C-alpha atoms as a PDB file:
ATOM      1  CA  MET A   1     272.730-148.547 108.318  1.00  0.00           C
ATOM      2  CA  ASN A   2     274.121-145.154 108.052  1.00  0.00           C
ATOM      3  CA  ASN A   3     271.239-143.616 110.516  1.00  0.00           C
ATOM      4  CA  LEU A   4     272.762-146.031 113.320  1.00  0.00           C
ATOM      5  CA  TYR A   5     276.447-145.104 112.701  1.00  0.00           C
ATOM      6  CA  LYS A   6     275.044-141.655 112.673  1.00  0.00           C
ATOM      7  CA  HIS A   7     273.270-142.263 115.905  1.00  0.00           C
ATOM      8  CA  ALA A   8     276.353-143.649 117.334  1.00  0.00           C
ATOM      9  CA  LEU A   9     278.179-140.172 116.984  1.00  0.00           C
ATOM     10  CA  LYS A  10     275.500-138.329 118.315  1.00  0.00           C
ATOM     11  CA  GLN A  11     275.645-141.016 121.337  1.00  0.00           C
ATOM     12  CA  GLU A  12     279.335-140.090 121.312  1.00  0.00           C
ATOM     13  CA  GLN A  13     279.469-136.349 121.783  1.00  0.00           C
ATOM     14  CA  VAL A  14     276.754-136.251 124.129  1.00  0.00           C
ATOM     15  CA  LEU A  15     278.862-138.201 126.341  1.00  0.00           C
ATOM     16  CA  ARG A  16     282.284-135.900 125.391  1.00  0.00           C
ATOM     17  CA  GLN A  17     280.153-133.025 126.556  1.00  0.00           C
ATOM     18  CA  ASP A  18     279.114-134.506 130.396  1.00  0.00           C
ATOM     19  CA  LEU A  19     282.433-135.826 130.552  1.00  0.00           C
ATOM     20  CA  ALA A  20     284.213-132.308 129.986  1.00  0.00           C
ATOM     21  CA  LYS A  21     281.548-131.366 132.533  1.00  0.00           C
ATOM     22  CA  PHE A  22     282.250-133.610 135.217  1.00  0.00           C
ATOM     23  CA  GLU A  23     286.629-133.411 134.421  1.00  0.00           C
ATOM     24  CA  ASN A  24     285.789-129.506 134.712  1.00  0.00           C
ATOM     25  CA  GLY A  25     283.978-129.702 138.309  1.00  0.00           C
ATOM     26  CA  GLU A  26     280.691-127.941 136.577  1.00  0.00           C
ATOM     27  CA  ASP A  27     278.783-130.723 137.763  1.00  0.00           C
ATOM     28  CA  VAL A  28     280.211-133.965 139.965  1.00  0.00           C
ATOM     29  CA  SER A  29     277.105-135.165 141.224  1.00  0.00           C
ATOM     30  CA  VAL A  30     276.005-138.633 141.431  1.00  0.00           C
ATOM     31  CA  GLY A  31     273.346-138.288 138.460  1.00  0.00           C
ATOM     32  CA  ILE A  32     275.642-136.476 136.057  1.00  0.00           C
ATOM     33  CA  GLN A  33     277.473-139.801 136.706  1.00  0.00           C
ATOM     34  CA  GLY A  34     274.727-142.097 136.293  1.00  0.00           C
ATOM     35  CA  GLN A  35     273.493-140.222 132.841  1.00  0.00           C
ATOM     36  CA  ILE A  36     276.994-140.639 132.181  1.00  0.00           C
ATOM     37  CA  SER A  37     276.898-145.122 132.346  1.00  0.00           C
ATOM     38  CA  VAL A  38     273.574-144.883 130.814  1.00  0.00           C
ATOM     39  CA  GLY A  39     275.295-142.867 127.277  1.00  0.00           C
ATOM     40  CA  LEU A  40     278.052-145.348 127.987  1.00  0.00           C
ATOM     41  CA  THR A  41     275.832-148.182 127.894  1.00  0.00           C
ATOM     42  CA  SER A  42     273.542-147.025 125.388  1.00  0.00           C
ATOM     43  CA  LEU A  43     276.899-146.281 123.200  1.00  0.00           C
ATOM     44  CA  LYS A  44     277.676-150.152 123.590  1.00  0.00           C
ATOM     45  CA  ARG A  45     274.395-151.040 122.310  1.00  0.00           C
ATOM     46  CA  THR A  46     274.261-149.180 118.995  1.00  0.00           C
ATOM     47  CA  ILE A  47     278.277-150.220 118.118  1.00  0.00           C
ATOM     48  CA  ASP A  48     277.071-153.878 118.479  1.00  0.00           C
ATOM     49  CA  ASP A  49     274.040-153.435 116.579  1.00  0.00           C
ATOM     50  CA  TYR A  50     275.746-151.480 113.825  1.00  0.00           C
ATOM     51  CA  ASP A  51     278.706-154.492 113.655  1.00  0.00           C
ATOM     52  CA  GLY A  52     275.469-156.439 113.181  1.00  0.00           C
ATOM     53  CA  LEU A  53     274.406-154.683 110.259  1.00  0.00           C
ATOM     54  CA  ALA A  54     277.671-154.609 109.100  1.00  0.00           C
ATOM     55  CA  LYS A  55     278.514-158.112 109.012  1.00  0.00           C
ATOM     56  CA  ARG A  56     275.278-158.572 107.078  1.00  0.00           C
ATOM     57  CA  GLU A  57     276.460-156.462 104.646  1.00  0.00           C
ATOM     58  CA  ILE A  58     276.387-158.023 100.731  1.00  0.00           C
ATOM     59  CA  ILE A  59     278.276-155.523  99.246  1.00  0.00           C
ATOM     60  CA  LEU A  60     281.928-156.148 100.089  1.00  0.00           C
ATOM     61  CA  VAL A  61     282.752-151.929  99.527  1.00  0.00           C
ATOM     62  CA  LYS A  62     280.229-150.825 102.248  1.00  0.00           C
ATOM     63  CA  GLN A  63     281.214-153.741 104.477  1.00  0.00           C
ATOM     64  CA  GLU A  64     284.799-153.062 104.831  1.00  0.00           C
ATOM     65  CA  LYS A  65     283.521-149.168 105.133  1.00  0.00           C
ATOM     66  CA  ALA A  66     281.430-150.213 108.028  1.00  0.00           C
ATOM     67  CA  LEU A  67     283.601-152.407 109.999  1.00  0.00           C
ATOM     68  CA  VAL A  68     286.770-149.802 110.111  1.00  0.00           C
ATOM     69  CA  ASN A  69     283.696-147.397 111.600  1.00  0.00           C
ATOM     70  CA  VAL A  70     282.901-150.466 114.029  1.00  0.00           C
ATOM     71  CA  CYS A  71     286.802-150.380 115.115  1.00  0.00           C
ATOM     72  CA  LYS A  72     286.964-146.635 115.273  1.00  0.00           C
ATOM     73  CA  LEU A  73     283.583-146.414 117.365  1.00  0.00           C
ATOM     74  CA  ARG A  74     284.974-149.482 119.904  1.00  0.00           C
ATOM     75  CA  ASP A  75     288.252-147.397 120.291  1.00  0.00           C
ATOM     76  CA  ASP A  76     286.196-144.234 120.904  1.00  0.00           C
ATOM     77  CA  TYR A  77     283.992-146.300 123.199  1.00  0.00           C
ATOM     78  CA  ASN A  78     287.394-147.993 125.142  1.00  0.00           C
ATOM     79  CA  GLU A  79     288.756-144.054 125.703  1.00  0.00           C
ATOM     80  CA  LEU A  80     285.327-142.675 127.159  1.00  0.00           C
ATOM     81  CA  LYS A  81     284.994-145.374 129.480  1.00  0.00           C
ATOM     82  CA  SER A  82     288.427-144.965 130.463  1.00  0.00           C
ATOM     83  CA  GLN A  83     288.652-141.828 130.614  1.00  0.00           C
ATOM     84  CA  PHE A  84     285.051-141.601 133.287  1.00  0.00           C
ATOM     85  CA  ASP A  85     286.503-144.477 135.432  1.00  0.00           C
ATOM     86  CA  ARG A  86     289.658-142.073 136.133  1.00  0.00           C
ATOM     87  CA  LEU A  87     287.644-139.398 136.650  1.00  0.00           C
ATOM     88  CA  LYS A  88     284.974-140.747 138.864  1.00  0.00           C
ATOM     89  CA  GLN A  89     288.037-142.797 140.946  1.00  0.00           C
ATOM     90  CA  ARG A  90     289.363-139.373 141.181  1.00  0.00           C
ATOM     91  CA  GLU A  91     285.947-137.899 142.284  1.00  0.00           C
ATOM     92  CA  ALA A  92     285.832-141.498 145.059  1.00  0.00           C
ATOM     93  CA  ASN A  93     289.426-140.341 146.295  1.00  0.00           C
ATOM     94  CA  LYS A  94     288.306-136.186 146.225  1.00  0.00           C
ATOM     95  CA  MET A  95     284.913-137.197 148.243  1.00  0.00           C
ATOM     96  CA  ALA A  96     286.881-140.079 150.891  1.00  0.00           C
ATOM     97  CA  GLN A  97     289.964-136.985 151.805  1.00  0.00           C
ATOM     98  CA  ASN A  98     287.015-134.595 152.647  1.00  0.00           C
ATOM     99  CA  SER A  99     285.422-136.862 154.672  1.00  0.00           C
ATOM    100  CA  ARG A 100     288.717-137.616 156.603  1.00  0.00           C
ATOM    101  CA  ALA A 101     289.190-134.199 156.829  1.00  0.00           C
ATOM    102  CA  GLU A 102     285.703-133.305 158.251  1.00  0.00           C
ATOM    103  CA  LEU A 103     286.087-135.809 160.834  1.00  0.00           C
ATOM    104  CA  LEU A 104     289.113-134.941 162.262  1.00  0.00           C
ATOM    105  CA  GLU A 105     287.906-131.114 161.976  1.00  0.00           C
ATOM    106  CA  ARG A 106     285.122-132.185 164.462  1.00  0.00           C
ATOM    107  CA  ARG A 107     287.260-134.354 166.036  1.00  0.00           C
ATOM    108  CA  HIS A 108     289.332-131.377 167.365  1.00  0.00           C
ATOM    109  CA  ASN A 109     286.662-128.927 167.644  1.00  0.00           C
ATOM    110  CA  THR A 110     284.646-130.765 170.177  1.00  0.00           C
ATOM    111  CA  SER A 111     284.879-131.195 173.544  1.00  0.00           C
ATOM    112  CA  THR A 112     284.449-134.562 175.282  1.00  0.00           C
ATOM    113  CA  PRO A 113     281.742-134.362 178.304  1.00  0.00           C
ATOM    114  CA  GLU A 114     281.931-136.344 181.604  1.00  0.00           C
ATOM    115  CA  TYR A 115     279.503-138.960 179.435  1.00  0.00           C
ATOM    116  CA  PRO A 116     279.488-138.889 176.043  1.00  0.00           C
ATOM    117  CA  PHE A 117     277.464-141.420 174.530  1.00  0.00           C
ATOM    118  CA  GLN A 118     274.357-140.116 176.771  1.00  0.00           C
ATOM    119  CA  HIS A 119     272.660-137.708 174.663  1.00  0.00           C
ATOM    120  CA  GLY A 120     275.367-137.308 171.645  1.00  0.00           C
ATOM    121  CA  SER A 121     276.258-140.825 170.201  1.00  0.00           C
ATOM    122  CA  SER A 122     271.879-140.842 170.094  1.00  0.00           C
ATOM    123  CA  ARG A 123     272.116-137.481 167.625  1.00  0.00           C
ATOM    124  CA  GLU A 124     274.819-138.638 166.136  1.00  0.00           C
ATOM    125  CA  GLN A 125     273.598-141.829 165.270  1.00  0.00           C
ATOM    126  CA  HIS A 126     270.202-139.969 163.966  1.00  0.00           C
ATOM    127  CA  ALA A 127     271.976-137.786 161.750  1.00  0.00           C
ATOM    128  CA  LEU A 128     274.100-140.276 160.272  1.00  0.00           C
ATOM    129  CA  ARG A 129     270.706-142.780 159.306  1.00  0.00           C
ATOM    130  CA  GLU A 130     269.241-138.970 157.997  1.00  0.00           C
ATOM    131  CA  HIS A 131     272.517-138.551 155.710  1.00  0.00           C
ATOM    132  CA  ASP A 132     272.445-142.080 154.811  1.00  0.00           C
ATOM    133  CA  PHE A 133     269.041-142.419 153.845  1.00  0.00           C
ATOM    134  CA  LEU A 134     269.126-139.165 152.073  1.00  0.00           C
ATOM    135  CA  ASN A 135     272.653-140.315 149.740  1.00  0.00           C
ATOM    136  CA  GLU A 136     270.351-143.964 149.331  1.00  0.00           C
ATOM    137  CA  THR A 137     267.558-141.746 148.334  1.00  0.00           C
ATOM    138  CA  ASP A 138     269.572-139.479 146.134  1.00  0.00           C
ATOM    139  CA  SER A 139     271.224-142.773 144.898  1.00  0.00           C
ATOM    140  CA  LYS A 140     267.925-144.287 144.099  1.00  0.00           C
ATOM    141  CA  LEU A 141     266.022-141.431 142.161  1.00  0.00           C
ATOM    142  CA  ASP A 142     269.596-141.487 140.042  1.00  0.00           C
ATOM    143  CA  GLU A 143     269.397-145.084 139.549  1.00  0.00           C
ATOM    144  CA  PHE A 144     265.749-144.792 138.221  1.00  0.00           C
ATOM    145  CA  ILE A 145     266.091-140.742 136.207  1.00  0.00           C
ATOM    146  CA  ALA A 146     268.999-143.336 134.361  1.00  0.00           C
ATOM    147  CA  HIS A 147     266.556-146.210 134.013  1.00  0.00           C
ATOM    148  CA  GLY A 148     264.539-143.879 132.312  1.00  0.00           C
ATOM    149  CA  ARG A 149     267.075-142.073 130.118  1.00  0.00           C
ATOM    150  CA  GLU A 150     267.901-145.702 128.573  1.00  0.00           C
ATOM    151  CA  VAL A 151     264.432-146.874 128.241  1.00  0.00           C
ATOM    152  CA  LEU A 152     263.950-143.327 126.244  1.00  0.00           C
ATOM    153  CA  TYR A 153     266.925-144.108 124.773  1.00  0.00           C
ATOM    154  CA  ASN A 154     265.794-147.946 123.505  1.00  0.00           C
ATOM    155  CA  MET A 155     262.406-146.607 122.503  1.00  0.00           C
ATOM    156  CA  TYR A 156     263.923-144.164 120.037  1.00  0.00           C
ATOM    157  CA  ASP A 157     266.420-146.949 118.724  1.00  0.00           C
ATOM    158  CA  GLN A 158     263.346-149.015 118.356  1.00  0.00           C
ATOM    159  CA  ASN A 159     261.593-146.294 116.827  1.00  0.00           C
ATOM    160  CA  ASN A 160     264.464-146.036 114.045  1.00  0.00           C
ATOM    161  CA  THR A 161     264.314-149.782 113.319  1.00  0.00           C
ATOM    162  CA  LEU A 162     260.684-150.055 113.384  1.00  0.00           C
ATOM    163  CA  LYS A 163     260.467-146.877 110.784  1.00  0.00           C
ATOM    164  CA  SER A 164     263.329-148.491 108.662  1.00  0.00           C
ATOM    165  CA  ALA A 165     261.260-151.884 108.962  1.00  0.00           C
ATOM    166  CA  GLN A 166     258.271-150.537 107.614  1.00  0.00           C
ATOM    167  CA  ARG A 167     260.001-148.841 105.274  1.00  0.00           C
ATOM    168  CA  LYS A 168     261.351-151.828 103.760  1.00  0.00           C
ATOM    169  CA  MET A 169     258.077-153.265 103.687  1.00  0.00           C
ATOM    170  CA  LEU A 170     256.461-150.754 101.916  1.00  0.00           C
ATOM    171  CA  ASP A 171     259.293-151.075  99.475  1.00  0.00           C
ATOM    172  CA  ALA A 172     258.698-154.920  99.142  1.00  0.00           C
ATOM    173  CA  ALA A 173     254.746-154.652  99.212  1.00  0.00           C
ATOM    174  CA  ASN A 174     255.064-151.830  96.096  1.00  0.00           C
ATOM    175  CA  THR A 175     257.878-154.608  94.252  1.00  0.00           C
ATOM    176  CA  LEU A 176     255.651-157.867  94.746  1.00  0.00           C
ATOM    177  CA  GLY A 177     252.457-155.721  93.663  1.00  0.00           C
ATOM    178  CA  LEU A 178     254.257-153.896  90.781  1.00  0.00           C
ATOM    179  CA  SER A 179     255.624-157.438  90.005  1.00  0.00           C
ATOM    180  CA  ARG A 180     252.120-158.991  90.407  1.00  0.00           C
ATOM    181  CA  ASN A 181     250.749-156.781  88.315  1.00  0.00           C
ATOM    182  CA  VAL A 182     253.318-157.499  85.507  1.00  0.00           C
ATOM    183  CA  ILE A 183     253.025-160.965  85.978  1.00  0.00           C
ATOM    184  CA  GLN A 184     249.683-160.600  85.381  1.00  0.00           C
ATOM    185  CA  TYR A 185     250.092-158.244  81.988  1.00  0.00           C
ATOM    186  CA  ILE A 186     252.698-161.041  80.314  1.00  0.00           C
ATOM    187  CA  GLU A 187     249.506-163.740  81.031  1.00  0.00           C
ATOM    188  CA  ARG A 188     247.321-161.928  79.365  1.00  0.00           C
ATOM    189  CA  ARG A 189     249.572-160.495  76.703  1.00  0.00           C
ATOM    190  CA  SER A 190     250.732-164.111  76.250  1.00  0.00           C
ATOM    191  CA  THR A 191     246.969-165.134  75.692  1.00  0.00           C
ATOM    192  CA  GLN A 192     246.143-162.409  73.192  1.00  0.00           C
ATOM    193  CA  ASP A 193     249.339-163.322  71.026  1.00  0.00           C
ATOM    194  CA  LYS A 194     248.714-166.325  70.960  1.00  0.00           C
ATOM    195  CA  TRP A 195     244.911-165.932  69.898  1.00  0.00           C
ATOM    196  CA  ILE A 196     246.823-163.759  67.361  1.00  0.00           C
ATOM    197  CA  PHE A 197     249.077-166.056  66.143  1.00  0.00           C
ATOM    198  CA  LEU A 198     246.482-168.859  65.465  1.00  0.00           C
ATOM    199  CA  GLY A 199     244.471-166.439  63.210  1.00  0.00           C
ATOM    200  CA  GLY A 200     247.271-165.670  61.652  1.00  0.00           C
ATOM    201  CA  VAL A 201     247.953-168.926  60.995  1.00  0.00           C
ATOM    202  CA  ILE A 202     244.385-169.388  59.843  1.00  0.00           C
ATOM    203  CA  LEU A 203     244.354-166.317  58.134  1.00  0.00           C
ATOM    204  CA  THR A 204     247.785-167.550  55.931  1.00  0.00           C
ATOM    205  CA  LEU A 205     246.696-170.903  55.297  1.00  0.00           C
ATOM    206  CA  PHE A 206     242.934-169.589  53.839  1.00  0.00           C
ATOM    207  CA  SER A 207     245.292-166.743  51.332  1.00  0.00           C
ATOM    208  CA  MET A 208     247.672-169.831  50.269  1.00  0.00           C
ATOM    209  CA  TRP A 209     244.493-171.922  49.659  1.00  0.00           C
ATOM    210  CA  ALA A 210     243.093-168.834  47.744  1.00  0.00           C
ATOM    211  CA  ILE A 211     246.063-168.087  45.541  1.00  0.00           C
ATOM    212  CA  GLN A 212     246.282-171.464  44.591  1.00  0.00           C
ATOM    213  CA  LYS A 213     242.752-171.334  43.592  1.00  0.00           C
ATOM    214  CA  MET A 214     243.021-168.255  41.780  1.00  0.00           C
ATOM    215  CA  ASP A 215     246.615-169.039  39.960  1.00  0.00           C
ATOM    216  CA  PRO A 216     245.574-169.166  36.242  1.00  0.00           C
ATOM    217  CA  ILE A 217     248.460-171.886  35.596  1.00  0.00           C
ATOM    218  CA  LYS A 218     246.886-174.177  38.293  1.00  0.00           C
ATOM    219  CA  SER A 219     243.472-173.570  37.380  1.00  0.00           C
ATOM    220  CA  ARG A 220     244.378-175.290  33.515  1.00  0.00           C
ATOM    221  CA  GLY A 221     245.787-178.316  35.869  1.00  0.00           C
ATOM    222  CA  ARG A 222     248.906-179.526  34.240  1.00  0.00           C
ATOM    223  CA  PRO A 223     250.592-177.988  31.072  1.00  0.00           C
ATOM    224  CA  PRO A 224     249.413-179.222  27.891  1.00  0.00           C
ATOM    225  CA  LYS A 225     250.896-181.896  25.991  1.00  0.00           C
ATOM    226  CA  ALA A 226     252.760-181.284  22.989  1.00  0.00           C
ATOM    227  CA  GLY A 227     250.420-181.144  19.512  1.00  0.00           C
ATOM    228  CA  SER A 228     247.445-181.577  21.431  1.00  0.00           C
ATOM    229  CA  LYS A 229     245.189-179.530  19.596  1.00  0.00           C
ATOM    230  CA  GLY A 230     243.411-176.816  21.079  1.00  0.00           C
ATOM    231  CA  ALA A 231     244.800-176.072  24.017  1.00  0.00           C
ATOM    232  CA  PHE A 232     245.518-172.819  24.022  1.00  0.00           C
ATOM    233  CA  THR A 233     241.460-171.893  23.158  1.00  0.00           C
ATOM    234  CA  LYS A 234     241.083-169.815  25.687  1.00  0.00           C
ATOM    235  CA  ASP A 235     244.254-167.387  25.096  1.00  0.00           C
ATOM    236  CA  ILE A 236     242.675-167.390  21.137  1.00  0.00           C
ATOM    237  CA  ARG A 237     239.584-166.621  22.210  1.00  0.00           C
ATOM    238  CA  LEU A 238     240.877-163.467  24.413  1.00  0.00           C
ATOM    239  CA  LEU A 239     243.488-162.294  21.641  1.00  0.00           C
ATOM    240  CA  MET A 240     240.462-162.409  19.061  1.00  0.00           C
ATOM    241  CA  TYR A 241     238.247-160.270  21.753  1.00  0.00           C
ATOM    242  CA  GLY A 242     241.074-157.950  21.805  1.00  0.00           C
ATOM    243  CA  PHE A 243     241.111-157.244  18.198  1.00  0.00           C
ATOM    244  CA  GLY A 244     237.310-156.407  17.983  1.00  0.00           C
ATOM    245  CA  ASP A 245     235.555-160.062  17.455  1.00  0.00           C
ATOM    246  CA  GLU A 246     232.944-161.107  19.377  1.00  0.00           C
ATOM    247  CA  ALA A 247     233.577-162.730  22.850  1.00  0.00           C
ATOM    248  CA  ASN A 248     231.971-166.484  21.820  1.00  0.00           C
ATOM    249  CA  PRO A 249     233.582-166.603  18.450  1.00  0.00           C
ATOM    250  CA  ALA A 250     232.344-169.910  16.747  1.00  0.00           C
ATOM    251  CA  ALA A 251     235.035-172.886  17.417  1.00  0.00           C
ATOM    252  CA  ASP A 252     236.179-173.076  13.721  1.00  0.00           C
ATOM    253  CA  SER A 253     237.332-169.328  13.735  1.00  0.00           C
ATOM    254  CA  ILE A 254     239.328-170.223  17.112  1.00  0.00           C
ATOM    255  CA  ASN A 255     240.853-173.402  15.218  1.00  0.00           C
ATOM    256  CA  VAL A 256     241.871-171.709  11.918  1.00  0.00           C
ATOM    257  CA  MET A 257     243.069-168.881  14.628  1.00  0.00           C
ATOM    258  CA  GLU A 258     245.107-171.099  16.622  1.00  0.00           C
ATOM    259  CA  GLU A 259     246.898-173.009  13.535  1.00  0.00           C
ATOM    260  CA  LEU A 260     247.769-169.569  12.092  1.00  0.00           C
ATOM    261  CA  VAL A 261     249.055-168.305  14.607  1.00  0.00           C
ATOM    262  CA  THR A 262     251.124-171.813  15.720  1.00  0.00           C
ATOM    263  CA  ASP A 263     252.601-171.600  12.289  1.00  0.00           C
ATOM    264  CA  TYR A 264     253.405-168.065  12.658  1.00  0.00           C
ATOM    265  CA  ILE A 265     255.000-168.991  15.906  1.00  0.00           C
ATOM    266  CA  THR A 266     256.699-172.162  14.757  1.00  0.00           C
ATOM    267  CA  GLU A 267     258.316-170.361  11.760  1.00  0.00           C
ATOM    268  CA  MET A 268     259.475-167.255  14.044  1.00  0.00           C
ATOM    269  CA  CYS A 269     261.125-170.368  16.140  1.00  0.00           C
ATOM    270  CA  HIS A 270     262.541-171.767  13.362  1.00  0.00           C
ATOM    271  CA  LYS A 271     263.991-168.970  12.500  1.00  0.00           C
ATOM    272  CA  ALA A 272     264.993-167.864  15.878  1.00  0.00           C
ATOM    273  CA  SER A 273     267.007-171.116  16.083  1.00  0.00           C
ATOM    274  CA  ASP A 274     268.624-170.926  13.261  1.00  0.00           C
ATOM    275  CA  VAL A 275     269.816-167.369  14.208  1.00  0.00           C
ATOM    276  CA  ALA A 276     270.786-169.308  17.284  1.00  0.00           C
ATOM    277  CA  LYS A 277     272.939-171.996  15.815  1.00  0.00           C
ATOM    278  CA  ASP A 278     274.682-169.329  13.927  1.00  0.00           C
ATOM    279  CA  ARG A 279     275.492-167.641  17.223  1.00  0.00           C
ATOM    280  CA  LYS A 280     276.310-171.158  19.007  1.00  0.00           C
ATOM    281  CA  VAL A 281     273.091-170.229  20.976  1.00  0.00           C
ATOM    282  CA  THR A 282     271.371-173.716  21.833  1.00  0.00           C
ATOM    283  CA  VAL A 283     267.798-174.961  22.565  1.00  0.00           C
ATOM    284  CA  ASP A 284     268.855-175.311  25.859  1.00  0.00           C
ATOM    285  CA  ASP A 285     269.615-171.940  26.518  1.00  0.00           C
ATOM    286  CA  PHE A 286     266.027-171.104  25.575  1.00  0.00           C
ATOM    287  CA  LYS A 287     264.906-173.436  28.287  1.00  0.00           C
ATOM    288  CA  PHE A 288     267.688-172.504  30.709  1.00  0.00           C
ATOM    289  CA  ILE A 289     266.118-168.409  30.222  1.00  0.00           C
ATOM    290  CA  LEU A 290     262.626-169.800  31.358  1.00  0.00           C
ATOM    291  CA  ARG A 291     263.155-172.199  34.104  1.00  0.00           C
ATOM    292  CA  ASN A 292     261.147-170.337  36.096  1.00  0.00           C
ATOM    293  CA  ASP A 293     258.494-169.711  33.741  1.00  0.00           C
ATOM    294  CA  SER A 294     256.144-172.968  33.241  1.00  0.00           C
ATOM    295  CA  LYS A 295     254.095-171.340  31.224  1.00  0.00           C
ATOM    296  CA  LYS A 296     256.647-170.073  28.617  1.00  0.00           C
ATOM    297  CA  LEU A 297     258.606-173.270  29.238  1.00  0.00           C
ATOM    298  CA  ALA A 298     255.302-175.409  27.955  1.00  0.00           C
ATOM    299  CA  ARG A 299     254.714-173.394  25.085  1.00  0.00           C
ATOM    300  CA  VAL A 300     258.434-173.077  23.740  1.00  0.00           C
ATOM    301  CA  GLU A 301     259.082-177.243  24.115  1.00  0.00           C
ATOM    302  CA  GLU A 302     255.485-177.244  22.597  1.00  0.00           C
ATOM    303  CA  LEU A 303     256.632-175.255  19.882  1.00  0.00           C
ATOM    304  CA  LEU A 304     259.938-177.126  19.120  1.00  0.00           C
ATOM    305  CA  HIS A 305     257.963-180.207  19.403  1.00  0.00           C
ATOM    306  CA  MET A 306     255.542-178.888  16.435  1.00  0.00           C
ATOM    307  CA  GLU A 307     258.530-177.845  14.679  1.00  0.00           C
ATOM    308  CA  GLN A 308     259.777-181.621  14.453  1.00  0.00           C
ATOM    309  CA  GLU A 309     256.350-182.580  13.544  1.00  0.00           C
ATOM    310  CA  ILE A 310     256.598-179.756  10.727  1.00  0.00           C
ATOM    311  CA  LYS A 311     260.008-181.120   9.310  1.00  0.00           C
ATOM    312  CA  LYS A 312     258.666-184.840   9.025  1.00  0.00           C
ATOM    313  CA  ALA A 313     255.967-183.538   7.572  1.00  0.00           C
ATOM    314  CA  ARG A 314     257.489-182.068   5.122  1.00  0.00           C
ATOM    315  CA  GLN A 315     260.291-184.833   4.537  1.00  0.00           C
ATOM    316  CA  ASN A 316     256.674-187.093   4.281  1.00  0.00           C
ATOM    317  CA  PHE A 317     255.282-184.952   1.352  1.00  0.00           C
ATOM    318  CA  ASP A 318     258.332-184.990  -0.432  1.00  0.00           C
ATOM    319  CA  VAL A 319     258.683-188.802  -0.649  1.00  0.00           C
ATOM    320  CA  LYS A 320     255.576-188.546  -1.932  1.00  0.00           C
ATOM    321  CA  ASP A 321     256.090-186.986  -4.662  1.00  0.00           C
ATOM    322  CA  ILE A 322     259.019-188.082  -5.545  1.00  0.00           C
ATOM    323  CA  ASP A 323     257.252-191.957  -5.584  1.00  0.00           C
ATOM    324  CA  GLU A 324     254.362-190.160  -7.685  1.00  0.00           C
END
């Protein structure tokens, strides 16, 4: 649209130069008049095209600016056309006055023969026909030149329009090609991401299954019941092996060691319970502290249950001693 506006300004400048020549009398021929007529016609067509593009403009600011330019160009066109009509009328009046003066001068200077229409009339008619033929030929040549100039301007405008259309088509093709490449890339990436996601899900499930199988607490099954014998056989075996015993000690040794450790831990829990009572700390506090460790919580519950059984056993022994 800017190129079309610049082209209109260039046409207006050329028209002003031709009108200045015609007004100053440098060139008053029919050819310059035809050239100015063709220039005005081409300028009007350019203004109409520019007006159509301005009305189809999407951006409001550019549209308003273009419409202002259209109004200015139309005012300039009307001014140039009025000036050309005035100069053309002046030149026509001038030519009419010259022709009238020439006829009057010829009438006063020419002697009338006895038979004036015998030979002179034929020569004058021949000269008049020749003059008319030359004028008509000159006019036709000027029309041909003007038509050729108009065709040239139209071809120039069409060339600019085709170049602009070609650029737009190339831009659209590049945009479509880029969009197509982006879409293909997104499709490929989506497929890859889908397979990566499925692989990650499978790997995560397998890892969770492996961790569950390898968990030492889960591998033992449910927490040992209170008072069950041999519940910590593996731990006792590892403890004995750590203190220098054999890798697989005898079952009796393990049972003896388990009883000793159980008594020791029971005694410690009993002392801790007594201290806790003095300090107003209850068994529920131990359970709350060990709530996140199921293994330790099970052991504490087992030891507390053992403490109760030991107390009952002592009471039974005391009752038997009294009876005896």
